N, C-alpha and C. Protein backbone atom coordinates (compact mmCIF):
# COMPACT_ATOMS: atom_id res chain seq x y z
N MET A 1 27.88 57.58 107.08
CA MET A 1 29.16 58.25 107.35
C MET A 1 29.60 57.95 108.78
N PHE A 2 30.88 57.73 108.96
CA PHE A 2 31.45 57.41 110.27
C PHE A 2 31.40 58.63 111.17
N ALA A 3 30.92 58.45 112.40
CA ALA A 3 30.85 59.54 113.38
C ALA A 3 32.09 59.51 114.26
N PHE A 4 33.06 60.39 113.95
CA PHE A 4 34.30 60.45 114.72
C PHE A 4 34.07 61.06 116.10
N ASN A 5 34.80 60.53 117.07
CA ASN A 5 34.90 61.15 118.38
C ASN A 5 35.76 62.40 118.18
N ARG A 6 35.25 63.56 118.55
CA ARG A 6 35.96 64.81 118.29
C ARG A 6 36.70 65.34 119.52
N ASP A 7 36.91 64.49 120.51
CA ASP A 7 37.69 64.87 121.69
C ASP A 7 39.18 64.80 121.34
N VAL A 8 39.64 65.83 120.64
CA VAL A 8 41.01 65.84 120.09
C VAL A 8 42.06 65.74 121.19
N LYS A 9 41.80 66.29 122.34
CA LYS A 9 42.77 66.22 123.44
C LYS A 9 43.02 64.76 123.84
N SER A 10 41.95 64.00 124.02
CA SER A 10 42.10 62.58 124.37
C SER A 10 42.75 61.80 123.24
N ARG A 11 42.34 62.10 122.01
CA ARG A 11 42.93 61.41 120.85
C ARG A 11 44.43 61.61 120.80
N ASP A 12 44.86 62.87 120.94
CA ASP A 12 46.29 63.16 120.85
C ASP A 12 47.07 62.60 122.04
N GLU A 13 46.45 62.52 123.19
CA GLU A 13 47.12 61.90 124.34
C GLU A 13 47.36 60.42 124.08
N ILE A 14 46.43 59.74 123.40
CA ILE A 14 46.63 58.34 123.05
C ILE A 14 47.80 58.21 122.06
N ILE A 15 47.81 59.04 121.04
CA ILE A 15 48.81 58.92 119.97
C ILE A 15 50.17 59.46 120.39
N PHE A 16 50.18 60.69 120.91
CA PHE A 16 51.44 61.40 121.14
C PHE A 16 51.85 61.52 122.60
N GLY A 17 50.93 61.19 123.51
CA GLY A 17 51.23 61.32 124.93
C GLY A 17 50.82 62.65 125.52
N SER A 18 50.50 63.62 124.66
CA SER A 18 50.07 64.94 125.13
C SER A 18 49.34 65.65 124.00
N TYR A 19 48.62 66.69 124.37
CA TYR A 19 47.92 67.51 123.39
C TYR A 19 48.72 68.79 123.16
N GLU A 20 49.29 68.93 121.98
CA GLU A 20 50.10 70.09 121.63
C GLU A 20 49.72 70.57 120.23
N PRO A 21 48.63 71.33 120.13
CA PRO A 21 48.13 71.74 118.81
C PRO A 21 49.14 72.54 117.99
N GLU A 22 50.10 73.18 118.64
CA GLU A 22 51.10 73.97 117.90
C GLU A 22 52.05 73.09 117.08
N LEU A 23 52.05 71.77 117.32
CA LEU A 23 52.92 70.87 116.57
C LEU A 23 52.30 70.39 115.26
N TYR A 24 51.07 70.79 115.00
CA TYR A 24 50.43 70.47 113.72
C TYR A 24 50.95 71.44 112.67
N VAL A 25 51.36 70.90 111.53
CA VAL A 25 51.84 71.73 110.42
C VAL A 25 50.86 71.54 109.27
N GLY A 26 50.21 72.63 108.88
CA GLY A 26 49.19 72.53 107.84
C GLY A 26 48.00 71.70 108.29
N GLY A 27 47.81 71.61 109.59
CA GLY A 27 46.71 70.83 110.13
C GLY A 27 46.99 69.34 110.25
N ILE A 28 48.25 68.95 110.05
CA ILE A 28 48.65 67.53 110.08
C ILE A 28 49.78 67.33 111.08
N ARG A 29 49.73 66.20 111.79
CA ARG A 29 50.84 65.81 112.66
C ARG A 29 51.13 64.33 112.45
N ARG A 30 52.36 64.02 112.07
CA ARG A 30 52.75 62.62 111.79
C ARG A 30 53.10 61.86 113.07
N PHE A 31 52.93 60.55 113.00
CA PHE A 31 53.42 59.65 114.04
C PHE A 31 54.11 58.48 113.38
N GLU A 32 55.05 57.88 114.10
CA GLU A 32 55.88 56.81 113.53
C GLU A 32 55.82 55.51 114.32
N ASN A 33 55.29 55.53 115.53
CA ASN A 33 55.39 54.35 116.40
C ASN A 33 54.09 54.02 117.11
N LEU A 34 52.99 53.95 116.37
CA LEU A 34 51.71 53.63 116.97
C LEU A 34 51.64 52.14 117.27
N THR A 35 51.46 51.80 118.53
CA THR A 35 51.43 50.40 118.96
C THR A 35 50.04 49.79 118.74
N PRO A 36 49.97 48.46 118.76
CA PRO A 36 48.65 47.83 118.66
C PRO A 36 47.70 48.28 119.77
N ARG A 37 48.20 48.47 120.97
CA ARG A 37 47.36 48.93 122.08
C ARG A 37 46.78 50.32 121.80
N GLN A 38 47.61 51.22 121.30
CA GLN A 38 47.13 52.55 120.95
C GLN A 38 46.09 52.48 119.83
N LEU A 39 46.33 51.62 118.85
CA LEU A 39 45.38 51.46 117.76
C LEU A 39 44.06 50.89 118.28
N ASP A 40 44.14 49.92 119.20
CA ASP A 40 42.93 49.41 119.85
C ASP A 40 42.11 50.54 120.45
N ASP A 41 42.78 51.40 121.21
CA ASP A 41 42.10 52.53 121.86
C ASP A 41 41.49 53.47 120.84
N LEU A 42 42.22 53.78 119.78
CA LEU A 42 41.71 54.69 118.76
C LEU A 42 40.47 54.14 118.07
N VAL A 43 40.48 52.84 117.78
CA VAL A 43 39.33 52.22 117.13
C VAL A 43 38.14 52.16 118.10
N LEU A 44 38.38 51.65 119.30
CA LEU A 44 37.29 51.47 120.26
C LEU A 44 36.65 52.79 120.69
N LEU A 45 37.44 53.85 120.73
CA LEU A 45 36.91 55.16 121.13
C LEU A 45 36.46 56.00 119.93
N ARG A 46 36.47 55.40 118.74
CA ARG A 46 35.96 56.03 117.51
C ARG A 46 36.80 57.22 117.04
N PHE A 47 38.09 57.15 117.26
CA PHE A 47 38.99 58.18 116.75
C PHE A 47 39.50 57.82 115.35
N ILE A 48 39.35 56.55 114.98
CA ILE A 48 39.75 56.11 113.65
C ILE A 48 38.64 55.22 113.09
N ASP A 49 38.32 55.42 111.85
CA ASP A 49 37.34 54.61 111.15
C ASP A 49 38.05 53.32 110.71
N PRO A 50 37.59 52.15 111.15
CA PRO A 50 38.27 50.90 110.78
C PRO A 50 38.34 50.67 109.26
N LEU A 51 37.43 51.26 108.52
CA LEU A 51 37.41 51.08 107.07
C LEU A 51 38.16 52.18 106.32
N GLU A 52 38.69 53.17 107.06
CA GLU A 52 39.44 54.26 106.45
C GLU A 52 40.74 53.73 105.88
N LYS A 53 41.08 54.24 104.70
CA LYS A 53 42.35 53.86 104.10
C LYS A 53 42.97 55.06 103.42
N HIS A 54 44.28 55.14 103.55
CA HIS A 54 45.07 56.21 102.94
C HIS A 54 45.51 55.74 101.56
N ASN A 55 44.99 56.37 100.53
CA ASN A 55 45.33 56.03 99.15
C ASN A 55 45.27 54.52 98.91
N LEU A 56 46.35 53.88 98.51
CA LEU A 56 46.34 52.45 98.21
C LEU A 56 46.69 51.57 99.42
N CYS A 57 46.86 52.18 100.56
CA CYS A 57 47.17 51.43 101.79
C CYS A 57 45.96 50.58 102.19
N PRO A 58 46.18 49.38 102.73
CA PRO A 58 45.05 48.62 103.27
C PRO A 58 44.31 49.44 104.34
N CYS A 59 43.08 49.10 104.57
CA CYS A 59 42.28 49.84 105.55
C CYS A 59 42.82 49.61 106.97
N ALA A 60 42.45 50.51 107.87
CA ALA A 60 42.92 50.45 109.25
C ALA A 60 42.60 49.11 109.90
N LYS A 61 41.45 48.54 109.61
CA LYS A 61 41.05 47.25 110.18
C LYS A 61 42.03 46.14 109.76
N ASP A 62 42.44 46.14 108.49
CA ASP A 62 43.38 45.12 108.01
C ASP A 62 44.76 45.29 108.65
N ILE A 63 45.19 46.53 108.81
CA ILE A 63 46.47 46.79 109.48
C ILE A 63 46.38 46.37 110.94
N TRP A 64 45.29 46.70 111.60
CA TRP A 64 45.04 46.33 113.00
C TRP A 64 45.12 44.82 113.16
N ARG A 65 44.44 44.08 112.29
CA ARG A 65 44.47 42.60 112.36
C ARG A 65 45.88 42.06 112.16
N PHE A 66 46.62 42.62 111.21
CA PHE A 66 47.99 42.17 110.96
C PHE A 66 48.86 42.39 112.19
N MET A 67 48.73 43.56 112.81
CA MET A 67 49.52 43.88 114.00
C MET A 67 49.18 42.96 115.17
N GLU A 68 47.91 42.59 115.29
CA GLU A 68 47.50 41.68 116.36
C GLU A 68 48.04 40.27 116.11
N LYS A 69 48.06 39.86 114.86
CA LYS A 69 48.52 38.51 114.50
C LYS A 69 50.03 38.36 114.61
N TYR A 70 50.75 39.44 114.27
CA TYR A 70 52.22 39.41 114.26
C TYR A 70 52.76 40.51 115.16
N PRO A 71 53.04 40.20 116.42
CA PRO A 71 53.51 41.21 117.38
C PRO A 71 54.83 41.85 116.96
N GLY A 72 55.00 43.09 117.42
CA GLY A 72 56.24 43.80 117.21
C GLY A 72 56.13 44.93 116.19
N TYR A 73 55.08 44.95 115.41
CA TYR A 73 54.92 46.01 114.42
C TYR A 73 54.37 47.28 115.08
N VAL A 74 54.76 48.41 114.52
CA VAL A 74 54.16 49.69 114.87
C VAL A 74 53.68 50.33 113.56
N ALA A 75 52.63 51.12 113.68
CA ALA A 75 52.06 51.77 112.51
C ALA A 75 52.56 53.20 112.38
N THR A 76 52.61 53.67 111.16
CA THR A 76 52.92 55.06 110.87
C THR A 76 51.67 55.71 110.28
N GLY A 77 51.63 57.02 110.36
CA GLY A 77 50.49 57.72 109.80
C GLY A 77 50.45 59.16 110.24
N TYR A 78 49.24 59.71 110.28
CA TYR A 78 49.10 61.11 110.65
C TYR A 78 47.72 61.38 111.25
N ALA A 79 47.69 62.39 112.07
CA ALA A 79 46.43 62.88 112.66
C ALA A 79 46.12 64.22 112.00
N VAL A 80 44.85 64.41 111.69
CA VAL A 80 44.39 65.66 111.10
C VAL A 80 43.71 66.49 112.18
N SER A 81 44.01 67.77 112.22
CA SER A 81 43.51 68.68 113.23
C SER A 81 41.98 68.73 113.26
N VAL A 82 41.45 68.91 114.44
CA VAL A 82 40.01 69.07 114.63
C VAL A 82 39.50 70.35 113.97
N LEU A 83 40.41 71.27 113.65
CA LEU A 83 40.03 72.52 113.00
C LEU A 83 39.76 72.36 111.50
N ARG A 84 40.10 71.20 110.97
CA ARG A 84 39.87 70.94 109.54
C ARG A 84 38.61 70.11 109.34
N ASP A 85 38.01 70.27 108.17
CA ASP A 85 36.79 69.52 107.84
C ASP A 85 37.05 68.02 107.69
N ASP A 86 38.28 67.65 107.36
CA ASP A 86 38.63 66.23 107.16
C ASP A 86 39.32 65.61 108.38
N TYR A 87 38.93 66.06 109.57
CA TYR A 87 39.44 65.53 110.85
C TYR A 87 39.41 64.01 110.81
N ARG A 88 40.55 63.40 111.16
CA ARG A 88 40.63 61.94 111.17
C ARG A 88 42.03 61.52 111.62
N VAL A 89 42.23 60.21 111.75
CA VAL A 89 43.55 59.60 111.89
C VAL A 89 43.68 58.63 110.73
N SER A 90 44.80 58.70 110.02
CA SER A 90 45.05 57.81 108.89
C SER A 90 46.34 57.04 109.12
N LEU A 91 46.30 55.77 108.77
CA LEU A 91 47.50 54.93 108.81
C LEU A 91 48.06 54.85 107.41
N ASP A 92 49.39 54.93 107.30
CA ASP A 92 50.00 54.85 105.97
C ASP A 92 51.19 53.89 105.90
N GLY A 93 51.39 53.10 106.96
CA GLY A 93 52.49 52.14 106.89
C GLY A 93 52.69 51.35 108.17
N LEU A 94 53.62 50.42 108.09
CA LEU A 94 54.01 49.55 109.21
C LEU A 94 55.53 49.41 109.21
N GLN A 95 56.07 49.10 110.39
CA GLN A 95 57.50 48.80 110.47
C GLN A 95 57.77 47.90 111.67
N LYS A 96 58.83 47.13 111.54
CA LYS A 96 59.25 46.21 112.61
C LYS A 96 60.71 45.84 112.36
N ASP A 97 61.42 45.53 113.42
CA ASP A 97 62.78 45.03 113.29
C ASP A 97 62.72 43.55 112.95
N GLY A 98 62.95 43.19 111.70
CA GLY A 98 62.97 41.80 111.26
C GLY A 98 61.62 41.12 111.30
N TYR A 99 61.63 39.81 111.12
CA TYR A 99 60.41 39.01 111.16
C TYR A 99 60.68 37.74 111.95
N ASP A 100 59.60 37.10 112.41
CA ASP A 100 59.76 35.93 113.27
C ASP A 100 59.59 34.60 112.54
N THR A 101 58.72 34.58 111.52
CA THR A 101 58.45 33.32 110.81
C THR A 101 58.36 33.58 109.31
N GLU A 102 58.53 32.52 108.54
CA GLU A 102 58.37 32.63 107.09
C GLU A 102 56.92 32.97 106.74
N THR A 103 55.97 32.48 107.52
CA THR A 103 54.56 32.80 107.30
C THR A 103 54.32 34.30 107.44
N GLU A 104 54.91 34.89 108.46
CA GLU A 104 54.80 36.34 108.65
C GLU A 104 55.40 37.08 107.46
N LEU A 105 56.58 36.67 107.03
CA LEU A 105 57.24 37.29 105.89
C LEU A 105 56.37 37.20 104.65
N ASP A 106 55.81 36.02 104.38
CA ASP A 106 54.96 35.83 103.21
C ASP A 106 53.70 36.69 103.27
N GLU A 107 53.08 36.75 104.43
CA GLU A 107 51.86 37.53 104.56
C GLU A 107 52.14 39.03 104.45
N PHE A 108 53.23 39.47 105.04
CA PHE A 108 53.62 40.88 104.91
C PHE A 108 53.82 41.23 103.44
N TYR A 109 54.53 40.38 102.74
CA TYR A 109 54.77 40.62 101.32
C TYR A 109 53.46 40.66 100.55
N ARG A 110 52.59 39.70 100.79
CA ARG A 110 51.32 39.62 100.08
C ARG A 110 50.43 40.84 100.32
N GLN A 111 50.35 41.30 101.56
CA GLN A 111 49.44 42.39 101.90
C GLN A 111 49.98 43.78 101.59
N PHE A 112 51.29 43.96 101.62
CA PHE A 112 51.84 45.32 101.58
C PHE A 112 52.83 45.58 100.43
N ARG A 113 53.01 44.64 99.53
CA ARG A 113 54.02 44.77 98.48
C ARG A 113 53.76 45.92 97.51
N GLU A 114 52.54 46.43 97.47
CA GLU A 114 52.20 47.54 96.57
C GLU A 114 52.60 48.91 97.14
N ALA A 115 53.21 48.91 98.31
CA ALA A 115 53.59 50.18 98.96
C ALA A 115 54.59 50.96 98.11
N ASP A 116 54.57 52.28 98.26
CA ASP A 116 55.52 53.14 97.55
C ASP A 116 56.94 52.94 98.05
N ASN A 117 57.09 52.60 99.32
CA ASN A 117 58.38 52.31 99.93
C ASN A 117 58.21 50.99 100.67
N PHE A 118 58.95 49.97 100.29
CA PHE A 118 58.72 48.63 100.81
C PHE A 118 60.05 47.91 100.99
N GLY A 119 60.19 47.22 102.12
CA GLY A 119 61.39 46.44 102.36
C GLY A 119 61.12 45.28 103.30
N VAL A 120 61.73 44.15 103.02
CA VAL A 120 61.62 42.99 103.89
C VAL A 120 63.01 42.43 104.12
N GLY A 121 63.23 41.97 105.35
CA GLY A 121 64.52 41.39 105.66
C GLY A 121 64.62 41.02 107.12
N THR A 122 65.74 40.40 107.46
CA THR A 122 65.93 39.95 108.83
C THR A 122 66.17 41.11 109.79
N LYS A 123 66.58 42.26 109.26
CA LYS A 123 66.85 43.41 110.13
C LYS A 123 65.71 44.41 110.16
N LYS A 124 64.93 44.51 109.08
CA LYS A 124 63.88 45.52 109.02
C LYS A 124 62.77 45.10 108.05
N MET A 125 61.54 45.28 108.52
CA MET A 125 60.34 45.10 107.71
C MET A 125 59.65 46.46 107.68
N TYR A 126 59.30 46.93 106.51
CA TYR A 126 58.61 48.22 106.47
C TYR A 126 57.81 48.37 105.18
N CYS A 127 56.78 49.18 105.28
CA CYS A 127 56.03 49.60 104.11
C CYS A 127 55.46 50.98 104.40
N TRP A 128 55.40 51.79 103.36
CA TRP A 128 54.84 53.13 103.48
C TRP A 128 54.13 53.46 102.18
N PHE A 129 52.90 53.92 102.31
CA PHE A 129 52.07 54.29 101.18
C PHE A 129 51.98 55.80 101.09
N ASP A 130 52.38 56.36 99.96
CA ASP A 130 52.33 57.80 99.74
C ASP A 130 50.90 58.25 99.51
């Protein structure tokens, strides 16, 4: 079993910029713009299990690799409160303004086309797994 770092204050400062436990609703707080650098910190400091996956979403490690390979993407997801037994950070999607290459477009389609909400185009790339 993965041993999570339970320093919730540091975790939330990485994700949200501050620790504000009152913003958790039902023990969950969503984020929409997690950068590759923030994801690096979360993985390296053991706040996210690289093999963790939200439902049918690819695992955090696969999303991390995609973001490193194709700059400009941000991840979406949620943080679970330290007060809950299922404390964790889960990724459930990606988004970016457009794409840079046909290879990027093809790979995005191949890896994320099973998403519940999915779109590709010159103005917006996104996927979200319910």
